[in-house]
């Protein structure tokens, strides 16, 4: 039986959940805030605030269209294009993130590569030394160590990096 697109999205969501769960455990003893790039309908933001209830979570979104229960407070939301909001966040928050989750894939390989390349330059000023970046795209950081994925997550489905 061929794998359907439904099977693919289920595998993607399971990988996302398993990576978020693993990342939360890895930053449990590390101070710092959480950055969520891409609110979407708010599922991963909701999951992160359940995993890390005592952490400040800042969300970056072009236009909010999330479930009303899954929208961060205005003072935790950077609204607009990442090329503008990430530098603004770096000026406001400094290098203070223990964990970044970037769910930024559009399904268009060229667009996704371009955005990942941009994030490789814009995220390090926000991430603490030793902080984690997990993403659905392979972000080509200059100073990052790939970490093993949680059991059951296929290589290339998600990416786990520790920044230096």
Protein backbone atom coordinates (compact mmCIF):
# COMPACT_ATOMS: atom_id res chain seq x y z
CA UNK A 1 0.00 0.00 0.00
CA UNK A 2 1.36 3.42 -0.97
CA UNK A 3 1.84 6.03 1.72
CA UNK A 4 -0.71 8.81 1.41
CA UNK A 5 -0.36 12.50 2.10
CA UNK A 6 -2.41 11.85 5.24
CA UNK A 7 0.22 9.33 6.38
CA UNK A 8 2.91 11.92 5.66
CA UNK A 9 1.26 14.66 7.74
CA UNK A 10 0.73 12.24 10.62
CA UNK A 11 4.43 11.29 10.53
CA UNK A 12 5.37 14.98 10.40
CA UNK A 13 3.20 15.89 13.39
CA UNK A 14 4.45 12.92 15.41
CA UNK A 15 8.06 13.90 14.62
CA UNK A 16 7.32 17.49 15.59
CA UNK A 17 5.80 16.44 18.92
CA UNK A 18 8.64 14.03 19.69
CA UNK A 19 11.26 16.69 18.88
CA UNK A 20 9.51 19.31 21.02
CA UNK A 21 9.25 16.86 23.92
CA UNK A 22 12.93 15.94 23.62
CA UNK A 23 14.03 19.57 23.30
CA UNK A 24 12.06 20.59 26.38
CA UNK A 25 13.87 17.93 28.40
CA UNK A 26 17.24 19.06 27.04
CA UNK A 27 16.73 22.70 28.09
CA UNK A 28 15.04 21.94 31.41
CA UNK A 29 18.13 22.95 33.42
CA UNK A 30 19.10 25.81 31.11
CA UNK A 31 17.79 29.32 31.77
CA UNK A 32 16.33 31.29 28.90
CA UNK A 33 13.22 31.94 26.94
CA UNK A 34 11.60 30.08 24.07
CA UNK A 35 11.10 31.35 20.52
CA UNK A 36 8.39 29.93 18.26
CA UNK A 37 8.82 30.86 14.60
CA UNK A 38 5.53 30.33 12.83
CA UNK A 39 2.36 30.29 14.93
CA UNK A 40 0.11 28.73 12.29
CA UNK A 41 -3.01 27.62 14.11
CA UNK A 42 -1.18 27.53 17.44
CA UNK A 43 -0.76 23.81 18.05
CA UNK A 44 2.99 23.82 18.75
CA UNK A 45 2.78 27.04 20.78
CA UNK A 46 0.11 25.39 22.91
CA UNK A 47 2.25 22.26 23.27
CA UNK A 48 5.34 24.27 24.24
CA UNK A 49 3.54 26.25 26.93
CA UNK A 50 2.32 22.95 28.39
CA UNK A 51 5.83 21.46 28.31
CA UNK A 52 7.56 24.57 29.65
CA UNK A 53 4.92 26.39 31.72
CA UNK A 54 7.38 28.63 33.57
CA UNK A 55 9.12 29.93 30.45
CA UNK A 56 8.43 33.07 28.49
CA UNK A 57 7.53 32.08 24.93
CA UNK A 58 7.84 34.66 22.18
CA UNK A 59 6.07 33.96 18.91
CA UNK A 60 6.86 35.24 15.42
CA UNK A 61 4.09 35.26 12.83
CA UNK A 62 3.37 37.17 9.66
CA UNK A 63 -0.39 37.26 10.23
CA UNK A 64 -2.22 35.65 13.14
CA UNK A 65 -4.85 33.10 12.17
CA UNK A 66 -4.58 30.75 15.15
CA UNK A 67 -7.25 29.25 17.34
CA UNK A 68 -8.25 31.97 19.87
CA UNK A 69 -7.01 29.87 22.82
CA UNK A 70 -3.58 29.55 21.18
CA UNK A 71 -2.63 33.18 20.58
CA UNK A 72 0.13 34.63 22.76
CA UNK A 73 -0.25 37.91 24.62
CA UNK A 74 0.51 40.98 22.52
CA UNK A 75 3.75 41.59 24.43
CA UNK A 76 4.96 38.09 23.43
CA UNK A 77 4.08 38.39 19.73
CA UNK A 78 6.35 39.72 16.99
CA UNK A 79 4.04 40.36 14.08
CA UNK A 80 5.39 40.74 10.55
CA UNK A 81 8.13 39.47 8.26
CA UNK A 82 10.97 37.56 9.95
CA UNK A 83 13.58 39.71 8.19
CA UNK A 84 12.27 42.64 10.24
CA UNK A 85 10.97 41.02 13.42
CA UNK A 86 14.02 38.87 14.23
CA UNK A 87 16.44 41.84 14.25
CA UNK A 88 13.90 43.79 16.33
CA UNK A 89 13.71 40.87 18.75
CA UNK A 90 17.51 40.65 18.97
CA UNK A 91 17.65 44.33 19.91
CA UNK A 92 14.89 43.90 22.49
CA UNK A 93 15.67 40.45 23.93
CA UNK A 94 19.37 40.00 23.25
CA UNK A 95 20.95 36.59 23.29
CA UNK A 96 18.42 34.99 25.64
CA UNK A 97 16.77 31.99 23.94
CA UNK A 98 17.38 28.51 25.28
CA UNK A 99 15.19 26.96 22.59
CA UNK A 100 13.98 27.98 19.15
CA UNK A 101 11.35 26.02 17.27
CA UNK A 102 11.09 26.97 13.61
CA UNK A 103 8.21 25.46 11.65
CA UNK A 104 8.75 27.48 8.49
CA UNK A 105 8.41 25.09 5.57
CA UNK A 106 6.24 26.23 2.70
CA UNK A 107 6.53 23.11 0.58
CA UNK A 108 8.51 25.05 -2.04
CA UNK A 109 12.14 23.92 -1.88
CA UNK A 110 13.69 27.14 -3.28
CA UNK A 111 11.71 29.40 -0.94
CA UNK A 112 12.44 27.15 2.05
CA UNK A 113 16.21 27.08 1.31
CA UNK A 114 16.28 30.87 1.02
CA UNK A 115 14.44 31.33 4.32
CA UNK A 116 16.65 28.75 6.07
CA UNK A 117 19.75 30.57 4.84
CA UNK A 118 18.39 33.86 6.16
CA UNK A 119 17.63 32.28 9.55
CA UNK A 120 21.21 30.99 9.76
CA UNK A 121 22.29 34.63 10.01
CA UNK A 122 19.36 36.08 12.00
CA UNK A 123 18.92 33.50 14.78
CA UNK A 124 22.38 33.27 16.42
CA UNK A 125 22.14 36.77 17.99
CA UNK A 126 19.05 35.51 19.86
CA UNK A 127 20.27 32.08 21.02
CA UNK A 128 22.25 31.48 24.19
CA UNK A 129 25.50 29.51 23.86
CA UNK A 130 24.44 25.88 23.99
CA UNK A 131 20.85 26.74 23.06
CA UNK A 132 18.84 24.46 20.80
CA UNK A 133 17.25 25.12 17.45
CA UNK A 134 14.81 22.54 16.17
CA UNK A 135 13.28 23.03 12.77
CA UNK A 136 11.48 21.45 9.90
CA UNK A 137 14.14 22.86 7.53
CA UNK A 138 17.89 22.31 7.46
CA UNK A 139 19.21 25.70 8.61
CA UNK A 140 22.88 26.03 7.56
CA UNK A 141 24.34 27.50 10.77
CA UNK A 142 28.08 28.16 10.78
CA UNK A 143 28.58 27.24 14.42
CA UNK A 144 26.17 24.47 15.33
CA UNK A 145 26.40 20.85 16.34
CA UNK A 146 23.83 18.43 14.94
CA UNK A 147 22.19 16.37 17.66
CA UNK A 148 20.58 12.95 17.31
CA UNK A 149 16.88 12.96 16.64
CA UNK A 150 14.50 11.24 19.03
CA UNK A 151 13.85 7.56 18.35
CA UNK A 152 11.38 7.05 15.53
CA UNK A 153 12.04 10.41 13.82
CA UNK A 154 13.46 9.90 10.34
CA UNK A 155 16.55 11.83 9.27
CA UNK A 156 15.51 14.82 7.16
CA UNK A 157 12.05 15.01 8.73
CA UNK A 158 13.28 17.40 11.43
CA UNK A 159 16.60 18.99 12.38
CA UNK A 160 18.11 19.34 15.85
CA UNK A 161 21.05 21.72 16.38
CA UNK A 162 22.95 23.03 19.42
CA UNK A 163 24.43 26.47 18.77
CA UNK A 164 27.87 27.34 20.04
